[in-house]
N, C-alpha and C. Protein backbone atom coordinates (compact mmCIF):
# COMPACT_ATOMS: atom_id res chain seq x y z
N MET A 1 -117.60 -116.50 115.04
CA MET A 1 -117.06 -116.46 113.55
C MET A 1 -117.26 -114.97 112.80
N PHE A 2 -118.31 -114.56 113.10
CA PHE A 2 -118.83 -113.13 112.58
C PHE A 2 -117.66 -112.27 112.91
N LYS A 3 -116.86 -112.29 114.59
CA LYS A 3 -116.18 -111.00 115.13
C LYS A 3 -114.72 -111.67 113.97
N LYS A 4 -114.65 -113.30 113.62
CA LYS A 4 -113.25 -113.18 113.30
C LYS A 4 -113.72 -112.76 111.71
N TYR A 5 -114.57 -112.20 110.88
CA TYR A 5 -114.92 -112.20 110.20
C TYR A 5 -114.92 -110.79 109.80
N LEU A 6 -115.44 -110.05 111.26
CA LEU A 6 -115.17 -108.41 111.07
C LEU A 6 -113.45 -108.06 111.07
N LEU A 7 -112.79 -108.79 112.01
CA LEU A 7 -111.56 -109.05 112.23
C LEU A 7 -110.37 -108.68 110.89
N ASN A 8 -110.99 -109.33 110.13
CA ASN A 8 -110.24 -109.49 109.11
C ASN A 8 -110.58 -108.62 108.18
N ALA A 9 -111.46 -108.22 108.28
CA ALA A 9 -111.62 -106.95 107.04
C ALA A 9 -111.48 -105.68 107.43
N PHE A 10 -111.41 -105.58 109.03
CA PHE A 10 -110.62 -104.72 109.23
C PHE A 10 -109.16 -104.85 108.71
N VAL A 11 -108.44 -105.54 109.58
CA VAL A 11 -107.08 -105.54 108.72
C VAL A 11 -107.02 -105.16 107.75
N LEU A 12 -107.86 -105.90 106.98
CA LEU A 12 -107.19 -105.98 105.14
C LEU A 12 -108.18 -104.20 104.67
N LEU A 13 -108.74 -103.58 105.66
CA LEU A 13 -109.22 -102.47 105.16
C LEU A 13 -107.87 -101.64 105.52
N CYS A 14 -107.29 -101.94 106.53
CA CYS A 14 -106.03 -101.01 107.12
C CYS A 14 -105.00 -101.28 105.96
N ALA A 15 -104.85 -102.61 105.96
CA ALA A 15 -103.68 -102.67 104.92
C ALA A 15 -103.75 -101.93 103.36
N PHE A 16 -105.26 -101.59 103.21
CA PHE A 16 -105.73 -100.87 102.00
C PHE A 16 -105.23 -99.16 101.91
N LEU A 17 -105.79 -99.23 103.04
CA LEU A 17 -105.54 -97.64 103.40
C LEU A 17 -104.44 -97.28 103.73
N LEU A 18 -103.46 -97.79 104.78
CA LEU A 18 -101.73 -97.33 105.07
C LEU A 18 -101.08 -96.74 103.88
N PRO A 19 -101.64 -97.74 102.72
CA PRO A 19 -100.05 -97.33 101.41
C PRO A 19 -100.74 -95.58 100.89
N ILE A 20 -101.84 -95.70 101.13
CA ILE A 20 -103.00 -94.54 100.65
C ILE A 20 -101.86 -93.01 101.28
N SER A 21 -102.39 -93.42 102.19
CA SER A 21 -102.02 -92.55 103.35
C SER A 21 -100.56 -92.01 103.74
N CYS A 22 -100.23 -92.70 103.58
CA CYS A 22 -98.32 -92.85 103.09
C CYS A 22 -97.73 -91.78 102.22
N SER A 23 -98.93 -92.10 100.79
CA SER A 23 -97.85 -91.67 99.20
C SER A 23 -98.18 -90.15 99.70
N LYS A 24 -98.88 -89.49 100.41
CA LYS A 24 -99.07 -88.48 100.49
C LYS A 24 -97.50 -87.47 100.73
N ASP A 25 -96.77 -87.90 101.81
CA ASP A 25 -95.21 -88.11 102.39
C ASP A 25 -94.43 -87.90 100.90
N ASN A 26 -94.75 -89.04 99.88
CA ASN A 26 -93.66 -89.26 98.92
C ASN A 26 -93.97 -87.81 97.95
N ASP A 27 -95.28 -87.14 98.08
CA ASP A 27 -95.71 -86.29 96.93
C ASP A 27 -94.60 -84.69 97.26
N THR A 28 -94.22 -84.67 98.65
CA THR A 28 -93.99 -83.62 99.17
C THR A 28 -92.18 -83.57 98.04
N PRO A 29 -92.19 -82.35 97.34
CA PRO A 29 -91.03 -82.27 97.42
C PRO A 29 -89.94 -82.26 97.80
N GLU A 30 -88.52 -82.80 97.56
CA GLU A 30 -87.00 -82.83 98.25
C GLU A 30 -86.59 -81.46 98.17
N HIS A 31 -86.38 -81.00 99.31
CA HIS A 31 -85.29 -79.86 99.16
C HIS A 31 -83.91 -80.03 98.51
N ILE A 32 -83.99 -78.99 97.04
CA ILE A 32 -82.23 -79.65 96.39
C ILE A 32 -81.81 -78.22 96.73
N HIS A 33 -80.45 -78.15 97.17
CA HIS A 33 -79.85 -77.32 97.20
C HIS A 33 -79.39 -76.50 96.35
N GLU A 34 -79.79 -74.87 95.20
CA GLU A 34 -79.24 -75.02 93.62
C GLU A 34 -77.77 -74.06 94.47
N GLU A 35 -76.99 -74.59 93.57
CA GLU A 35 -75.81 -74.25 93.82
C GLU A 35 -75.76 -72.11 93.15
N GLU A 36 -74.95 -71.56 94.27
CA GLU A 36 -74.79 -70.19 93.58
C GLU A 36 -74.08 -70.16 92.40
N LEU A 37 -74.38 -69.22 91.32
CA LEU A 37 -73.70 -68.68 90.12
C LEU A 37 -72.44 -68.27 90.45
N ILE A 38 -71.38 -68.98 90.58
CA ILE A 38 -69.95 -68.16 91.28
C ILE A 38 -69.22 -68.03 89.58
N THR A 39 -68.70 -67.16 89.45
CA THR A 39 -68.17 -66.82 88.02
C THR A 39 -66.87 -66.36 88.27
N ARG A 40 -66.69 -65.52 89.55
CA ARG A 40 -65.47 -64.83 89.69
C ARG A 40 -65.08 -65.30 91.23
N VAL A 41 -63.85 -65.83 91.30
CA VAL A 41 -63.22 -65.74 92.29
C VAL A 41 -62.10 -64.77 92.52
N THR A 42 -62.11 -63.55 93.77
CA THR A 42 -60.69 -62.79 93.91
C THR A 42 -60.01 -63.14 95.18
N LEU A 43 -58.97 -62.76 95.24
CA LEU A 43 -58.05 -62.95 96.20
C LEU A 43 -56.99 -61.15 96.69
N LYS A 44 -57.62 -60.73 97.33
CA LYS A 44 -57.33 -59.01 97.49
C LYS A 44 -56.09 -59.83 98.77
N VAL A 45 -54.73 -59.02 98.18
CA VAL A 45 -53.65 -59.47 98.78
C VAL A 45 -52.78 -58.33 99.70
N LYS A 46 -52.12 -58.34 100.65
CA LYS A 46 -51.64 -56.81 101.36
C LYS A 46 -50.43 -57.60 101.74
N LYS A 47 -49.40 -56.93 101.56
CA LYS A 47 -48.38 -57.60 102.55
C LYS A 47 -48.44 -56.65 103.96
N GLN A 48 -47.84 -57.15 105.03
CA GLN A 48 -47.96 -56.64 106.53
C GLN A 48 -46.69 -55.73 106.47
N GLY A 49 -47.27 -54.35 106.99
CA GLY A 49 -45.92 -53.60 107.62
C GLY A 49 -45.36 -52.62 105.72
N SER A 50 -46.08 -53.06 104.94
CA SER A 50 -45.83 -52.45 103.41
C SER A 50 -46.69 -51.43 103.50
N ALA A 51 -46.22 -50.56 102.90
CA ALA A 51 -47.14 -49.00 101.97
C ALA A 51 -47.57 -49.56 100.68
N ASP A 52 -47.05 -50.75 99.78
CA ASP A 52 -47.59 -50.75 99.25
C ASP A 52 -49.15 -51.06 98.96
N ALA A 53 -50.09 -50.58 98.01
CA ALA A 53 -51.43 -51.19 97.98
C ALA A 53 -51.56 -52.29 97.83
N ALA A 54 -52.73 -52.90 98.13
CA ALA A 54 -53.53 -54.49 97.70
C ALA A 54 -53.23 -55.11 96.60
N VAL A 55 -53.19 -55.90 96.21
CA VAL A 55 -52.82 -56.77 94.99
C VAL A 55 -54.06 -57.27 94.92
N THR A 56 -55.04 -57.20 93.82
CA THR A 56 -56.14 -57.92 93.77
C THR A 56 -56.16 -59.10 92.64
N TYR A 57 -55.72 -60.45 92.97
CA TYR A 57 -56.10 -61.19 91.96
C TYR A 57 -56.85 -61.74 91.16
N THR A 58 -57.30 -62.08 90.23
CA THR A 58 -59.07 -62.47 89.61
C THR A 58 -59.01 -63.87 88.99
N TRP A 59 -59.70 -64.81 89.03
CA TRP A 59 -60.36 -66.05 88.69
C TRP A 59 -61.48 -65.53 87.90
N ASN A 60 -61.68 -65.87 86.26
CA ASN A 60 -63.46 -65.78 86.09
C ASN A 60 -63.11 -67.02 85.17
N ASP A 61 -64.86 -67.56 85.50
CA ASP A 61 -64.86 -68.40 84.81
C ASP A 61 -65.06 -68.02 82.96
N ASP A 62 -64.05 -68.50 82.47
CA ASP A 62 -64.51 -68.02 81.15
C ASP A 62 -65.63 -68.35 80.05
N HIS A 63 -65.92 -69.01 80.44
CA HIS A 63 -67.36 -70.05 80.08
C HIS A 63 -68.69 -69.51 80.45
N GLU A 64 -68.59 -68.62 81.58
CA GLU A 64 -69.79 -67.55 81.92
C GLU A 64 -69.37 -66.23 81.57
N GLU A 65 -68.84 -65.49 81.41
CA GLU A 65 -68.45 -64.00 81.29
C GLU A 65 -67.60 -63.96 80.24
N GLU A 66 -67.92 -63.10 78.92
CA GLU A 66 -67.14 -63.12 78.11
C GLU A 66 -65.99 -61.72 78.01
N GLY A 67 -65.66 -60.91 77.34
CA GLY A 67 -64.59 -60.07 77.22
C GLY A 67 -63.71 -60.14 78.10
N HIS A 68 -63.23 -61.53 78.42
CA HIS A 68 -61.91 -61.81 80.34
C HIS A 68 -61.04 -61.05 79.32
N SER A 69 -60.19 -60.41 79.78
CA SER A 69 -58.72 -59.89 79.38
C SER A 69 -57.58 -60.48 80.34
N GLU A 70 -56.81 -61.57 79.71
CA GLU A 70 -55.49 -62.19 80.24
C GLU A 70 -54.49 -60.57 80.90
N GLU A 71 -55.08 -59.65 80.76
CA GLU A 71 -53.97 -58.39 81.46
C GLU A 71 -54.25 -58.04 82.66
N GLU A 72 -55.42 -58.65 83.49
CA GLU A 72 -55.24 -58.74 84.50
C GLU A 72 -54.77 -59.27 85.66
N GLU A 73 -54.17 -58.88 86.97
CA GLU A 73 -53.47 -58.77 87.50
C GLU A 73 -52.86 -60.50 87.91
N GLY A 74 -52.09 -60.91 87.56
CA GLY A 74 -51.26 -61.85 87.66
C GLY A 74 -51.91 -63.17 87.12
N HIS A 75 -52.65 -62.85 85.50
CA HIS A 75 -53.54 -64.07 84.97
C HIS A 75 -52.86 -63.70 83.66
N ASP A 76 -52.49 -65.04 83.34
CA ASP A 76 -52.24 -65.46 81.77
C ASP A 76 -52.54 -66.45 81.38
N GLU A 77 -52.27 -67.39 80.12
CA GLU A 77 -53.12 -69.31 80.29
C GLU A 77 -53.16 -69.80 80.82
N ASP A 78 -52.07 -70.20 81.76
CA ASP A 78 -52.19 -70.96 82.54
C ASP A 78 -52.33 -71.00 83.85
N GLY A 79 -53.32 -69.84 84.27
CA GLY A 79 -54.02 -69.12 85.32
C GLY A 79 -54.21 -68.51 85.77
N VAL A 80 -53.88 -68.21 87.34
CA VAL A 80 -54.07 -66.83 88.21
C VAL A 80 -52.74 -67.21 89.20
N HIS A 81 -51.79 -66.11 88.95
CA HIS A 81 -50.59 -66.43 89.52
C HIS A 81 -50.31 -65.27 90.62
N VAL A 82 -50.16 -66.04 91.79
CA VAL A 82 -50.17 -64.75 92.63
C VAL A 82 -48.45 -64.64 93.43
N GLU A 83 -48.16 -63.84 93.36
CA GLU A 83 -46.56 -63.36 93.97
C GLU A 83 -46.31 -62.69 95.23
N LEU A 84 -45.83 -63.79 95.61
CA LEU A 84 -45.64 -63.70 97.45
C LEU A 84 -44.07 -63.71 97.73
N GLU A 85 -43.83 -62.77 98.65
CA GLU A 85 -42.15 -62.40 99.15
C GLU A 85 -41.90 -63.96 100.65
N ALA A 86 -40.88 -64.75 100.36
CA ALA A 86 -40.61 -65.33 100.96
C ALA A 86 -40.23 -64.45 102.78
N ASN A 87 -40.61 -65.15 103.81
CA ASN A 87 -40.02 -64.66 104.96
C ASN A 87 -41.07 -63.38 105.22
N SER A 88 -42.51 -63.82 104.72
CA SER A 88 -42.95 -62.58 104.63
C SER A 88 -44.67 -62.76 105.11
N THR A 89 -45.60 -61.85 105.61
CA THR A 89 -46.82 -62.02 106.08
C THR A 89 -47.92 -61.06 105.30
N TYR A 90 -48.63 -61.86 104.94
CA TYR A 90 -49.96 -60.55 104.00
C TYR A 90 -51.19 -61.31 104.37
N GLU A 91 -52.27 -60.43 104.57
CA GLU A 91 -53.69 -60.45 105.00
C GLU A 91 -54.32 -60.36 103.64
N VAL A 92 -55.33 -61.39 103.34
CA VAL A 92 -55.92 -62.23 102.52
C VAL A 92 -57.25 -62.15 102.28
N GLU A 93 -58.11 -61.62 101.14
CA GLU A 93 -59.45 -61.19 101.69
C GLU A 93 -60.07 -62.77 100.39
N VAL A 94 -60.83 -62.97 100.68
CA VAL A 94 -61.52 -63.63 99.42
C VAL A 94 -62.78 -63.25 99.03
N GLY A 95 -62.91 -62.91 97.75
CA GLY A 95 -64.23 -62.51 97.25
C GLY A 95 -65.25 -63.52 96.09
N PHE A 96 -66.54 -63.74 96.30
CA PHE A 96 -66.80 -64.70 95.60
C PHE A 96 -68.33 -63.91 94.86
N PHE A 97 -68.33 -63.94 93.26
CA PHE A 97 -68.87 -62.67 92.67
C PHE A 97 -69.47 -63.71 91.44
N ASN A 98 -70.87 -63.53 91.61
CA ASN A 98 -71.81 -63.73 90.08
C ASN A 98 -71.81 -62.57 88.46
N ALA A 99 -70.47 -62.68 87.94
CA ALA A 99 -70.38 -61.43 87.32
C ALA A 99 -70.75 -62.13 85.33
N SER A 100 -71.91 -63.04 85.57
CA SER A 100 -72.35 -63.51 84.49
C SER A 100 -73.11 -62.24 83.79
N ASP A 101 -73.65 -61.54 84.11
CA ASP A 101 -74.22 -60.49 83.61
C ASP A 101 -73.22 -59.06 83.82
N PRO A 102 -72.31 -58.52 82.96
CA PRO A 102 -71.18 -57.66 83.11
C PRO A 102 -71.92 -56.50 83.98
N ALA A 103 -72.94 -56.12 83.43
CA ALA A 103 -73.93 -54.38 84.04
C ALA A 103 -74.31 -54.88 85.54
N ASN A 104 -74.42 -56.28 85.91
CA ASN A 104 -75.57 -56.24 87.18
C ASN A 104 -74.46 -57.11 88.05
N ILE A 105 -73.03 -57.30 88.61
CA ILE A 105 -72.21 -57.73 89.43
C ILE A 105 -72.70 -58.55 90.60
N GLU A 106 -72.74 -59.24 90.75
CA GLU A 106 -73.28 -59.70 92.54
C GLU A 106 -72.24 -59.96 93.29
N ASN A 107 -72.28 -59.63 94.71
CA ASN A 107 -71.39 -60.33 95.24
C ASN A 107 -71.84 -61.24 96.25
N ILE A 108 -71.47 -62.19 96.08
CA ILE A 108 -71.93 -63.54 96.52
C ILE A 108 -71.23 -63.53 97.78
N THR A 109 -69.91 -62.91 98.41
CA THR A 109 -69.30 -62.85 99.58
C THR A 109 -70.63 -61.97 100.61
N GLU A 110 -71.48 -60.84 99.92
CA GLU A 110 -72.51 -60.61 101.42
C GLU A 110 -73.39 -61.41 101.70
N GLU A 111 -73.74 -62.40 100.82
CA GLU A 111 -74.77 -63.94 100.95
C GLU A 111 -74.12 -64.91 101.98
N VAL A 112 -72.62 -65.10 101.70
CA VAL A 112 -71.92 -65.67 102.52
C VAL A 112 -72.17 -65.66 104.07
N LYS A 113 -71.46 -64.42 104.02
CA LYS A 113 -71.31 -63.86 105.52
C LYS A 113 -72.73 -64.10 106.41
N ALA A 114 -73.82 -63.31 105.72
CA ALA A 114 -75.50 -63.30 105.94
C ALA A 114 -75.59 -64.66 106.31
N GLU A 115 -75.10 -65.94 105.86
CA GLU A 115 -75.52 -67.05 106.13
C GLU A 115 -74.45 -67.65 106.34
N ALA A 116 -73.65 -67.28 107.30
CA ALA A 116 -72.76 -68.05 107.82
C ALA A 116 -72.19 -69.57 108.61
N ASP A 117 -73.59 -70.05 109.28
CA ASP A 117 -74.14 -71.21 109.69
C ASP A 117 -73.69 -72.33 108.46
N GLU A 118 -74.45 -71.62 107.56
CA GLU A 118 -74.41 -72.21 106.22
C GLU A 118 -73.35 -72.41 105.29
N HIS A 119 -72.06 -72.12 105.81
CA HIS A 119 -71.37 -71.69 104.58
C HIS A 119 -69.66 -71.86 105.51
N GLN A 120 -68.65 -72.75 104.77
CA GLN A 120 -67.14 -72.17 105.19
C GLN A 120 -66.51 -72.15 103.82
N VAL A 121 -65.53 -71.23 103.99
CA VAL A 121 -64.36 -71.35 103.11
C VAL A 121 -63.02 -71.88 103.39
N PHE A 122 -62.41 -72.82 102.38
CA PHE A 122 -61.70 -73.66 102.87
C PHE A 122 -60.24 -73.59 101.64
N LEU A 123 -59.13 -73.04 102.61
CA LEU A 123 -58.12 -72.87 101.44
C LEU A 123 -56.89 -73.83 101.84
N GLU A 124 -56.92 -74.89 100.67
CA GLU A 124 -56.15 -75.70 100.97
C GLU A 124 -54.40 -75.64 99.86
N SER A 125 -53.91 -75.60 100.99
CA SER A 125 -52.13 -75.47 100.23
C SER A 125 -51.86 -76.53 99.95
N ILE A 126 -51.16 -76.48 98.66
CA ILE A 126 -51.02 -77.80 97.61
C ILE A 126 -49.48 -77.66 97.10
N GLU A 127 -48.42 -78.32 97.94
CA GLU A 127 -46.73 -78.06 97.48
C GLU A 127 -45.86 -77.04 97.66
N ILE A 128 -47.01 -76.15 98.74
CA ILE A 128 -46.00 -74.72 99.04
C ILE A 128 -45.39 -75.21 100.13
N GLN A 129 -44.07 -75.02 100.06
CA GLN A 129 -43.06 -75.49 100.82
C GLN A 129 -43.63 -74.50 102.36
N GLY A 130 -43.62 -74.31 103.53
CA GLY A 130 -43.38 -73.56 104.29
C GLY A 130 -44.33 -72.08 104.38
N LEU A 131 -45.95 -72.65 103.51
CA LEU A 131 -46.93 -71.37 104.15
C LEU A 131 -47.80 -72.02 105.44
N SER A 132 -47.98 -71.06 105.49
CA SER A 132 -49.09 -71.31 106.69
C SER A 132 -50.26 -69.88 106.55
N ILE A 133 -51.58 -70.81 106.87
CA ILE A 133 -52.74 -69.95 106.58
C ILE A 133 -53.36 -70.21 108.21
N VAL A 134 -53.78 -68.96 108.46
CA VAL A 134 -54.70 -69.12 109.64
C VAL A 134 -55.62 -67.86 109.25
N ALA A 135 -57.37 -68.18 110.55
CA ALA A 135 -58.19 -67.11 110.10
C ALA A 135 -57.36 -65.66 110.47
N ALA A 136 -57.73 -64.61 109.94
CA ALA A 136 -57.54 -63.14 110.62
C ALA A 136 -58.42 -63.15 111.83
N ALA A 137 -57.98 -61.74 112.29
CA ALA A 137 -58.42 -61.26 113.80
C ALA A 137 -60.09 -61.01 113.86
N ASN A 138 -59.76 -60.35 112.23
CA ASN A 138 -61.13 -59.56 112.18
C ASN A 138 -61.98 -60.02 110.72
N ASP A 139 -61.73 -61.69 110.72
CA ASP A 139 -62.63 -62.28 109.97
C ASP A 139 -64.09 -62.53 109.99
N SER A 140 -65.12 -62.89 109.65
CA SER A 140 -66.26 -63.00 109.82
C SER A 140 -66.67 -64.29 110.57
N THR A 141 -66.87 -64.61 111.64
CA THR A 141 -67.81 -65.75 112.15
C THR A 141 -68.93 -66.21 111.58
N ASP A 142 -69.41 -67.64 112.06
CA ASP A 142 -70.54 -68.06 112.27
C ASP A 142 -71.33 -67.68 113.80
N SER A 143 -72.38 -68.07 113.95
CA SER A 143 -72.58 -68.57 115.50
C SER A 143 -72.36 -68.97 116.36
N ASN A 144 -71.46 -69.89 116.09
CA ASN A 144 -70.91 -70.15 117.08
C ASN A 144 -69.28 -69.80 117.30
N GLY A 145 -69.05 -68.94 116.73
CA GLY A 145 -67.61 -68.03 116.63
C GLY A 145 -66.68 -68.97 115.57
N ASN A 146 -67.25 -70.14 114.92
CA ASN A 146 -66.30 -70.55 114.11
C ASN A 146 -65.65 -69.55 112.85
N PRO A 147 -64.39 -69.40 112.42
CA PRO A 147 -64.17 -68.50 110.93
C PRO A 147 -64.72 -69.23 110.16
N LEU A 148 -64.93 -68.00 109.15
CA LEU A 148 -65.17 -68.37 107.87
C LEU A 148 -64.07 -68.31 107.18
N PHE A 149 -63.12 -67.78 107.97
CA PHE A 149 -61.90 -67.84 105.95
C PHE A 149 -62.18 -66.97 104.87
N LEU A 150 -63.22 -65.81 105.10
CA LEU A 150 -63.21 -65.00 104.09
C LEU A 150 -61.87 -63.94 104.29
N LYS A 151 -61.43 -63.69 105.26
CA LYS A 151 -60.20 -63.05 105.68
C LYS A 151 -59.28 -63.86 106.16
N SER A 152 -58.14 -63.57 105.67
CA SER A 152 -57.23 -64.89 106.75
C SER A 152 -55.41 -64.19 106.45
N VAL A 153 -54.65 -65.06 107.14
CA VAL A 153 -53.44 -64.46 107.53
C VAL A 153 -52.29 -65.28 106.66
N TRP A 154 -51.68 -64.83 105.29
CA TRP A 154 -50.80 -66.02 105.18
C TRP A 154 -49.64 -65.57 105.24
N THR A 155 -48.25 -66.73 105.88
CA THR A 155 -47.00 -66.12 106.61
C THR A 155 -45.84 -67.25 105.26
N THR A 156 -45.12 -66.65 104.62
CA THR A 156 -44.20 -67.41 103.72
C THR A 156 -42.97 -67.76 105.12
N THR A 157 -42.27 -68.92 104.29
CA THR A 157 -40.67 -68.48 104.88
C THR A 157 -39.72 -68.95 103.87
N ALA A 158 -39.63 -70.64 103.04
CA ALA A 158 -38.80 -70.50 101.91
C ALA A 158 -39.77 -70.03 100.37
N VAL A 159 -38.25 -70.22 99.89
CA VAL A 159 -38.91 -70.16 98.32
C VAL A 159 -39.52 -71.15 98.20
N SER A 160 -40.43 -71.35 97.50
CA SER A 160 -41.80 -72.42 96.83
C SER A 160 -41.89 -72.21 96.03
N ALA A 161 -43.49 -73.03 95.26
CA ALA A 161 -44.62 -73.04 94.83
C ALA A 161 -45.42 -73.74 94.10
N GLY A 162 -46.50 -73.47 94.49
CA GLY A 162 -47.63 -74.34 94.18
C GLY A 162 -49.06 -73.63 93.97
N GLU A 163 -49.87 -74.43 94.54
CA GLU A 163 -51.24 -73.69 94.64
C GLU A 163 -52.00 -73.71 95.53
N VAL A 164 -52.67 -72.68 95.49
CA VAL A 164 -53.90 -72.58 96.48
C VAL A 164 -54.99 -72.66 96.40
N ARG A 165 -55.77 -73.73 96.55
CA ARG A 165 -57.14 -74.29 96.27
C ARG A 165 -57.88 -73.30 96.67
N VAL A 166 -58.99 -72.86 96.35
CA VAL A 166 -60.46 -72.06 97.19
C VAL A 166 -61.08 -72.93 96.74
N TYR A 167 -61.93 -73.19 98.30
CA TYR A 167 -63.76 -74.03 98.22
C TYR A 167 -64.49 -72.95 99.07
N LEU A 168 -65.70 -72.88 98.55
CA LEU A 168 -66.26 -72.78 99.07
C LEU A 168 -67.70 -73.84 99.35
N ILE A 169 -67.66 -73.73 100.39
CA ILE A 169 -68.80 -75.09 101.50
C ILE A 169 -69.69 -74.77 101.93
N HIS A 170 -70.87 -75.53 100.91
CA HIS A 170 -72.53 -75.00 101.34
C HIS A 170 -72.90 -76.21 102.33
N GLU A 171 -73.48 -75.60 103.40
CA GLU A 171 -73.85 -76.82 104.41
C GLU A 171 -72.73 -77.71 104.79
N PRO A 172 -71.68 -77.45 105.54
CA PRO A 172 -70.56 -78.43 106.05
C PRO A 172 -70.87 -78.67 107.10
N THR A 173 -70.79 -80.61 107.11
CA THR A 173 -70.70 -81.11 108.66
C THR A 173 -69.70 -80.86 109.47
N ALA A 174 -68.69 -80.12 109.33
CA ALA A 174 -67.45 -79.80 110.17
C ALA A 174 -66.81 -78.26 109.46
N LYS A 175 -66.63 -77.95 111.02
CA LYS A 175 -65.95 -76.68 110.40
C LYS A 175 -64.45 -76.10 110.64
N SER A 176 -63.91 -77.39 110.83
CA SER A 176 -62.56 -77.38 110.41
C SER A 176 -61.80 -78.97 109.91
N GLY A 177 -60.50 -79.10 109.20
CA GLY A 177 -59.84 -79.78 108.48
C GLY A 177 -59.12 -79.69 107.91
N SER A 178 -58.31 -80.58 107.59
CA SER A 178 -56.58 -80.71 106.87
C SER A 178 -56.96 -80.60 105.59
N ILE A 179 -58.07 -81.38 105.05
CA ILE A 179 -58.59 -81.71 103.95
C ILE A 179 -59.91 -81.81 103.47
N ARG A 180 -60.21 -81.43 101.73
CA ARG A 180 -61.57 -81.17 101.76
C ARG A 180 -63.09 -81.97 102.28
N ASN A 181 -62.02 -83.05 102.54
CA ASN A 181 -63.15 -84.20 102.85
C ASN A 181 -63.73 -83.92 104.44
N ASP A 182 -62.87 -83.47 105.04
CA ASP A 182 -63.06 -83.33 106.38
C ASP A 182 -64.50 -82.52 106.50
N PHE A 183 -65.15 -81.06 105.77
CA PHE A 183 -65.66 -80.53 106.21
C PHE A 183 -66.93 -81.05 105.53
N GLY A 184 -66.98 -82.22 104.46
CA GLY A 184 -68.18 -82.58 104.08
C GLY A 184 -69.28 -81.64 103.18
N GLY A 185 -70.39 -81.66 103.21
CA GLY A 185 -71.78 -80.56 102.61
C GLY A 185 -70.98 -80.69 101.13
N GLU A 186 -71.69 -79.76 100.13
CA GLU A 186 -71.30 -79.26 98.92
C GLU A 186 -70.73 -78.49 98.75
N THR A 187 -69.58 -78.36 97.71
CA THR A 187 -68.51 -77.67 97.09
C THR A 187 -69.54 -76.25 96.07
N ASP A 188 -69.74 -75.46 96.45
CA ASP A 188 -70.50 -74.18 95.40
C ASP A 188 -69.51 -74.08 94.12
N VAL A 189 -68.04 -73.78 94.63
CA VAL A 189 -67.09 -73.05 93.67
C VAL A 189 -65.60 -74.01 94.31
N LYS A 190 -64.97 -74.60 93.26
CA LYS A 190 -63.62 -74.57 93.88
C LYS A 190 -62.36 -74.01 92.30
N VAL A 191 -61.43 -73.43 92.93
CA VAL A 191 -60.38 -72.55 92.07
C VAL A 191 -59.26 -72.63 92.37
N ASP A 192 -58.27 -72.66 91.29
CA ASP A 192 -56.79 -72.72 91.97
C ASP A 192 -56.15 -71.52 91.32
N PHE A 193 -55.36 -71.11 92.14
CA PHE A 193 -54.56 -70.19 92.54
C PHE A 193 -53.37 -70.20 92.61
N HIS A 194 -52.40 -70.56 90.87
CA HIS A 194 -50.76 -70.61 91.55
C HIS A 194 -50.62 -69.69 92.29
N VAL A 195 -49.13 -70.12 93.20
CA VAL A 195 -48.25 -69.08 94.13
C VAL A 195 -47.34 -69.13 93.66
N ASP A 196 -46.44 -68.28 93.53
CA ASP A 196 -44.84 -68.09 93.95
C ASP A 196 -44.62 -67.68 94.48
N VAL A 197 -44.15 -68.46 95.36
CA VAL A 197 -43.14 -67.36 96.96
C VAL A 197 -41.71 -67.33 96.30
N GLY A 198 -41.11 -65.98 96.61
CA GLY A 198 -39.57 -65.80 95.98
C GLY A 198 -38.84 -65.02 96.37
């Protein structure tokens, strides 16, 4: 009888202490990814085989940056327009910046390169006929050799128009795909560049 009493007391004591010991785990703060502040995205476009200088097209988050000028290359009230020629090949370099303080513009692209395993750029062609986008041979790669798509090669065929949507993805679950959902992770920034192929 006494042993049964001791056993019951022990079980009650364990039941009381178990929630207390587990509560410490619940007090541990959960890691939350803080998105990079990106207020500027650029596309530096250079036609292969041409002596012309590269053209930089710039998207600015007007809510973050004052003094935005619509006279920047390819920019008007409808957004940023990239002009390409049909049956041509272009080297394209993506840049990400925090320009919220014009006196101290931060190049987020360097952080993306340094943290290549945790990032992926996805370039989605929308309604543009005959546009192919592949990673450039000199593109940055992650530790598994996967290209980041910071540098890419765009090849045009037919006259067409549409959008190239630029995503910067944080902690992707996959490093390739044909739609945004294939990559998983979180979107740090999503920007549309209107592309006219003529």
